[in-house]
Amino acid sequence: MTEDVTPDSDSRSGSLLRRLHEAYASLPESERRVADTILNTPSEMPVWTATELAGHARVSNATVSRLVQRIGYRSFEEARQHARALRETGSPLYMRDPDSLGGCDEAHMDLLRSEVSIIEETLSKLDNAVLHDAATALAKARKVRLLGYRNSRFLSDYLTAQLAQLRHDVAPLVLDGQTMSEGIAGLGPQDVAVLVGFRRRPAKFTEIVRLIAARGAKVLLVADKDLREAPAFATWTFICAVQTPLPIDSYAGALSLVRKLAIETTAALGDAGLHHLNDVETLREHLGELEAGPSEHSK
């Protein structure tokens, strides 16, 4: 008697791993071994063949086929392509296991090489004329607002902190307690909005960019090469390399680019930036906000 492999309606949607979890309790033992193999090492699913997966699970190719059909795929290749698509979006579940990359010393060298490569790839593609134009706009804008979600947040906060030392009216686009609508409503043609959006962006990221541009504000995007649609509404788009052979994306290149942008903005501000920074430093000293340096301790 053949097993019923007709997937129910719920199994036809969701990620590969979610489908496996939903179906797991009802799987026969042989298919459960295939599911366990995938769930234990999802990073290998994008590169395995059906035969390789069957070998790791110690089952037949037919068992692999029955499982993927049971969870809503027409073929193993469709399931593998789904896993590849998720890896391309930056899902850490589908990234390579660092234990497969060698010993500790070798892993350190792999990390060093990958970080250097990411910085070189990012900065080598930088158009200095475009960078200068963007920095000039940041220096001259009435106000600058910045936004970043998830892993993009720390880069947005870093640039906010650097620019706020150099000019007035620099702040996050959305303050604590505000809604996104309130932040966007405050923007106009004299303003610049910086949006940092690396892969695994919020679903409405492009819509936010579009709405800001519709108000006449200039939009500066910092993102990875997979960004689509949003650059059509931006004044400047800076693309950073983030993907390496190691698990978890690298933002070393992005941080270097953002730092470069802050340096160029400092130059564009000229004396005005120095005066603002002097005011900030004077107030810090008056309020005693920072710890004393070595020379001050020795007095």
Protein backbone atom coordinates (compact mmCIF):
# COMPACT_ATOMS: atom_id res chain seq x y z
CA MET A 1 0.00 0.00 0.00
CA THR A 2 1.37 3.41 -0.91
CA GLU A 3 1.54 6.25 1.59
CA ASP A 4 -0.62 9.30 1.13
CA VAL A 5 1.76 12.15 0.28
CA THR A 6 -0.87 14.72 -0.64
CA PRO A 7 0.07 17.87 1.31
CA ASP A 8 -2.60 19.63 3.29
CA SER A 9 -3.34 23.28 2.60
CA ASP A 10 -1.29 24.55 5.55
CA SER A 11 1.91 22.86 4.33
CA ARG A 12 1.94 24.71 1.03
CA SER A 13 3.08 27.98 2.59
CA GLY A 14 5.87 29.08 4.88
CA SER A 15 9.57 28.36 4.92
CA LEU A 16 11.03 24.91 4.37
CA LEU A 17 11.85 24.54 8.07
CA ARG A 18 8.38 25.64 9.15
CA ARG A 19 6.79 23.09 6.82
CA LEU A 20 8.97 20.35 8.27
CA HIS A 21 8.07 21.30 11.84
CA GLU A 22 4.36 21.40 11.02
CA ALA A 23 4.42 17.97 9.38
CA TYR A 24 6.92 16.33 11.74
CA ALA A 25 4.49 14.61 14.11
CA SER A 26 2.70 12.84 11.26
CA LEU A 27 5.81 11.68 9.37
CA PRO A 28 6.67 8.00 9.07
CA GLU A 29 10.02 7.02 10.57
CA SER A 30 11.99 7.05 7.30
CA GLU A 31 10.77 10.54 6.33
CA ARG A 32 11.36 11.76 9.87
CA ARG A 33 15.04 10.84 9.44
CA VAL A 34 15.16 13.03 6.34
CA ALA A 35 13.46 15.87 8.24
CA ASP A 36 15.91 15.49 11.13
CA THR A 37 18.85 15.67 8.75
CA ILE A 38 17.59 18.91 7.22
CA LEU A 39 16.60 20.47 10.55
CA ASN A 40 19.95 19.61 12.13
CA THR A 41 21.98 21.13 9.26
CA PRO A 42 19.76 23.52 7.27
CA SER A 43 22.86 25.31 5.94
CA GLU A 44 23.57 22.26 3.74
CA MET A 45 20.13 22.05 2.16
CA PRO A 46 20.89 24.65 -0.56
CA VAL A 47 23.86 22.62 -1.81
CA TRP A 48 22.85 18.98 -1.26
CA THR A 49 21.56 16.81 -4.07
CA ALA A 50 18.65 14.47 -3.35
CA THR A 51 21.06 11.54 -3.38
CA GLU A 52 23.39 13.24 -0.88
CA LEU A 53 20.50 14.02 1.46
CA ALA A 54 19.24 10.44 1.19
CA GLY A 55 22.72 9.17 2.02
CA HIS A 56 23.04 11.35 5.12
CA ALA A 57 19.57 10.26 6.29
CA ARG A 58 20.22 6.61 5.36
CA VAL A 59 17.05 6.36 3.27
CA SER A 60 16.20 5.96 -0.40
CA ASN A 61 15.82 8.76 -2.93
CA ALA A 62 12.15 7.84 -3.13
CA THR A 63 11.75 8.64 0.58
CA VAL A 64 13.24 12.09 0.04
CA SER A 65 10.83 12.67 -2.83
CA ARG A 66 7.83 11.58 -0.74
CA LEU A 67 8.81 13.95 2.07
CA VAL A 68 9.21 17.07 -0.08
CA GLN A 69 5.91 16.32 -1.82
CA ARG A 70 4.21 15.79 1.52
CA ILE A 71 5.20 19.28 2.68
CA GLY A 72 4.01 20.96 -0.49
CA TYR A 73 6.86 20.94 -3.01
CA ARG A 74 6.56 19.45 -6.48
CA SER A 75 10.13 18.16 -6.40
CA PHE A 76 13.31 18.09 -4.34
CA GLU A 77 14.79 20.74 -6.64
CA GLU A 78 11.95 23.12 -5.81
CA ALA A 79 12.59 22.61 -2.08
CA ARG A 80 16.32 23.20 -2.57
CA GLN A 81 15.69 26.37 -4.58
CA HIS A 82 13.44 27.59 -1.76
CA ALA A 83 16.30 27.02 0.70
CA ARG A 84 18.72 28.83 -1.64
CA ALA A 85 16.37 31.80 -1.86
CA LEU A 86 16.24 32.01 1.93
CA ARG A 87 20.05 31.86 2.10
CA GLU A 88 20.23 34.74 -0.39
CA THR A 89 18.02 36.86 1.85
CA GLY A 90 20.59 36.42 4.63
CA SER A 91 18.79 33.93 6.86
CA PRO A 92 21.49 32.72 9.31
CA LEU A 93 19.78 29.32 9.43
CA TYR A 94 20.98 28.63 5.90
CA MET A 95 24.52 29.94 6.37
CA ARG A 96 27.45 27.57 6.70
CA ASP A 97 28.26 26.15 10.12
CA PRO A 98 31.51 27.78 11.39
CA ASP A 99 32.63 24.36 12.71
CA SER A 100 32.98 23.21 9.10
CA LEU A 101 35.50 25.92 8.32
CA GLY A 102 38.55 24.50 10.12
CA GLY A 103 40.26 24.89 13.47
CA CYS A 104 40.42 27.98 15.66
CA ASP A 105 43.53 29.50 14.10
CA GLU A 106 42.25 28.83 10.61
CA ALA A 107 38.86 30.28 11.52
CA HIS A 108 40.53 33.47 12.75
CA MET A 109 42.40 33.83 9.47
CA ASP A 110 39.21 33.13 7.50
CA LEU A 111 37.49 35.90 9.44
CA LEU A 112 40.36 38.33 8.86
CA ARG A 113 40.45 37.61 5.14
CA SER A 114 36.69 37.91 4.77
CA GLU A 115 36.54 41.24 6.65
CA VAL A 116 39.36 42.74 4.57
CA SER A 117 37.68 41.50 1.40
CA ILE A 118 34.33 43.03 2.41
CA ILE A 119 35.91 46.42 3.12
CA GLU A 120 37.86 46.39 -0.15
CA GLU A 121 34.84 45.36 -2.20
CA THR A 122 32.67 48.07 -0.64
CA LEU A 123 35.08 50.99 -0.82
CA SER A 124 36.50 50.11 -4.26
CA LYS A 125 33.05 50.64 -5.79
CA LEU A 126 32.55 53.99 -4.09
CA ASP A 127 32.03 56.91 -6.47
CA ASN A 128 33.82 59.85 -4.84
CA ALA A 129 31.78 62.42 -6.75
CA VAL A 130 28.53 60.89 -5.51
CA LEU A 131 29.94 60.67 -1.98
CA HIS A 132 30.92 64.34 -2.07
CA ASP A 133 27.47 65.33 -3.35
CA ALA A 134 25.74 63.37 -0.59
CA ALA A 135 28.04 64.75 2.12
CA THR A 136 27.44 68.31 0.91
CA ALA A 137 23.69 67.73 1.14
CA LEU A 138 24.07 66.38 4.68
CA ALA A 139 26.02 69.50 5.61
CA LYS A 140 23.53 71.95 4.11
CA ALA A 141 20.19 70.29 4.92
CA ARG A 142 17.74 72.02 7.22
CA LYS A 143 17.56 68.81 9.22
CA VAL A 144 18.85 65.26 8.89
CA ARG A 145 16.83 62.25 9.96
CA LEU A 146 18.11 58.68 10.08
CA LEU A 147 16.47 55.26 10.21
CA GLY A 148 17.62 51.66 10.40
CA TYR A 149 16.00 48.42 11.51
CA ARG A 150 17.43 45.22 12.97
CA ASN A 151 21.14 44.88 12.02
CA SER A 152 20.93 48.21 10.21
CA ARG A 153 20.03 50.03 13.42
CA PHE A 154 23.53 50.24 14.91
CA LEU A 155 24.89 51.76 11.67
CA SER A 156 22.12 54.33 11.63
CA ASP A 157 22.75 55.16 15.29
CA TYR A 158 26.51 55.44 14.67
CA LEU A 159 26.05 57.95 11.83
CA THR A 160 23.48 59.86 13.89
CA ALA A 161 25.99 60.23 16.73
CA GLN A 162 28.78 61.41 14.43
CA LEU A 163 26.68 63.98 12.56
CA ALA A 164 25.04 65.30 15.74
CA GLN A 165 28.48 66.40 16.98
CA LEU A 166 29.01 68.44 13.83
CA ARG A 167 25.71 70.14 13.03
CA HIS A 168 22.33 70.99 14.49
CA ASP A 169 19.05 69.14 14.00
CA VAL A 170 20.27 65.59 13.51
CA ALA A 171 18.07 62.85 15.02
CA PRO A 172 16.49 59.45 14.43
CA LEU A 173 13.53 59.65 12.06
CA VAL A 174 11.25 58.07 14.64
CA LEU A 175 11.73 59.10 18.27
CA ASP A 176 10.66 56.92 21.19
CA GLY A 177 6.90 57.09 21.52
CA GLN A 178 6.36 58.33 17.98
CA THR A 179 4.83 56.55 15.03
CA MET A 180 6.49 56.32 11.63
CA SER A 181 3.83 58.65 10.21
CA GLU A 182 4.82 61.41 12.64
CA GLY A 183 8.45 61.10 11.65
CA ILE A 184 7.76 61.22 7.92
CA ALA A 185 5.27 64.09 8.25
CA GLY A 186 8.02 66.36 9.60
CA LEU A 187 10.14 66.08 6.44
CA GLY A 188 10.23 68.47 3.52
CA PRO A 189 12.26 69.57 0.48
CA GLN A 190 15.06 71.09 2.55
CA ASP A 191 15.74 67.88 4.48
CA VAL A 192 17.79 64.71 4.02
CA ALA A 193 16.68 61.29 5.26
CA VAL A 194 19.32 58.56 5.61
CA LEU A 195 17.89 55.04 5.53
CA VAL A 196 20.13 52.07 6.25
CA GLY A 197 18.53 48.91 4.94
CA PHE A 198 20.47 45.68 4.77
CA ARG A 199 18.94 42.39 3.77
CA ARG A 200 16.09 40.92 5.79
CA ARG A 201 14.57 44.39 5.71
CA PRO A 202 11.08 45.13 7.10
CA ALA A 203 8.30 44.41 4.63
CA LYS A 204 7.36 48.10 4.20
CA PHE A 205 10.90 49.43 3.72
CA THR A 206 10.37 50.48 0.09
CA GLU A 207 7.05 52.10 0.94
CA ILE A 208 8.73 54.18 3.66
CA VAL A 209 11.38 55.33 1.16
CA ARG A 210 8.69 56.20 -1.38
CA LEU A 211 6.64 58.22 1.10
CA ILE A 212 9.67 60.21 2.26
CA ALA A 213 10.67 60.99 -1.33
CA ALA A 214 7.09 62.04 -2.11
CA ARG A 215 7.42 64.82 0.47
CA GLY A 216 10.36 66.25 -1.46
CA ALA A 217 13.06 65.24 1.02
CA LYS A 218 16.29 63.86 -0.40
CA VAL A 219 16.83 60.19 0.43
CA LEU A 220 20.24 58.61 1.02
CA LEU A 221 20.22 54.81 1.03
CA VAL A 222 22.92 52.53 2.43
CA ALA A 223 22.12 48.93 1.54
CA ASP A 224 23.30 45.66 0.03
CA LYS A 225 23.16 44.60 -3.63
CA ASP A 226 19.85 42.75 -3.18
CA LEU A 227 17.86 45.93 -2.57
CA ARG A 228 15.18 46.41 -5.23
CA GLU A 229 12.71 49.20 -6.07
CA ALA A 230 13.70 51.55 -3.24
CA PRO A 231 16.68 53.07 -5.16
CA ALA A 232 14.21 54.41 -7.71
CA PHE A 233 13.02 56.89 -5.06
CA ALA A 234 16.45 57.75 -3.61
CA THR A 235 18.78 60.61 -4.48
CA TRP A 236 21.87 58.56 -3.58
CA THR A 237 22.29 54.83 -3.07
CA PHE A 238 25.47 53.33 -1.62
CA ILE A 239 25.79 49.57 -2.02
CA CYS A 240 27.89 47.63 0.48
CA ALA A 241 29.14 44.06 0.34
CA VAL A 242 27.91 41.99 3.28
CA GLN A 243 28.01 38.31 2.33
CA THR A 244 31.03 36.12 3.10
CA PRO A 245 31.61 32.35 3.25
CA LEU A 246 31.19 32.60 7.03
CA PRO A 247 27.87 32.52 8.91
CA ILE A 248 26.25 35.91 9.66
CA ASP A 249 26.66 38.88 7.35
CA SER A 250 29.60 41.23 7.78
CA TYR A 251 29.04 44.97 8.21
CA ALA A 252 32.73 45.91 8.25
CA GLY A 253 32.45 47.46 4.79
CA ALA A 254 29.24 49.26 5.64
CA LEU A 255 30.77 50.74 8.79
CA SER A 256 33.79 51.93 6.79
CA LEU A 257 31.49 53.57 4.24
CA VAL A 258 29.38 55.27 6.91
CA ARG A 259 32.54 56.53 8.62
CA LYS A 260 33.79 57.85 5.29
CA LEU A 261 30.47 59.62 4.80
CA ALA A 262 30.83 61.29 8.22
CA ILE A 263 34.39 62.38 7.41
CA GLU A 264 33.30 63.89 4.09
CA THR A 265 30.43 65.68 5.80
CA THR A 266 32.90 67.14 8.30
CA ALA A 267 34.93 68.54 5.40
CA ALA A 268 31.80 69.91 3.73
CA LEU A 269 30.75 71.69 6.93
CA GLY A 270 34.13 73.39 7.28
CA ASP A 271 34.32 76.04 10.00
CA ALA A 272 30.64 75.68 10.83
CA GLY A 273 31.21 72.08 11.83
CA LEU A 274 34.22 73.00 13.96
CA HIS A 275 32.26 75.72 15.75
CA HIS A 276 29.39 73.32 16.50
CA LEU A 277 31.81 70.67 17.75
CA ASN A 278 33.53 73.26 19.94
CA ASP A 279 30.15 74.20 21.47
CA VAL A 280 29.43 70.53 22.15
CA GLU A 281 32.85 69.95 23.74
CA THR A 282 32.53 73.07 25.89
CA LEU A 283 29.16 71.92 27.21
CA ARG A 284 30.50 68.43 27.87
CA GLU A 285 33.33 69.86 29.92
CA HIS A 286 30.95 72.14 31.83
CA LEU A 287 28.62 69.23 32.63
CA GLY A 288 31.44 66.79 33.34
CA GLU A 289 29.86 64.22 31.02
CA LEU A 290 32.99 62.32 30.01
CA GLU A 291 35.71 60.67 32.06
CA ALA A 292 38.95 62.60 32.45
CA GLY A 293 41.83 61.77 30.12
CA PRO A 294 45.27 60.59 31.36
CA SER A 295 46.74 64.10 31.27
CA GLU A 296 43.94 65.46 33.45
CA HIS A 297 44.38 62.68 36.02
CA SER A 298 48.05 63.60 36.40
CA LYS A 299 47.38 67.22 37.27
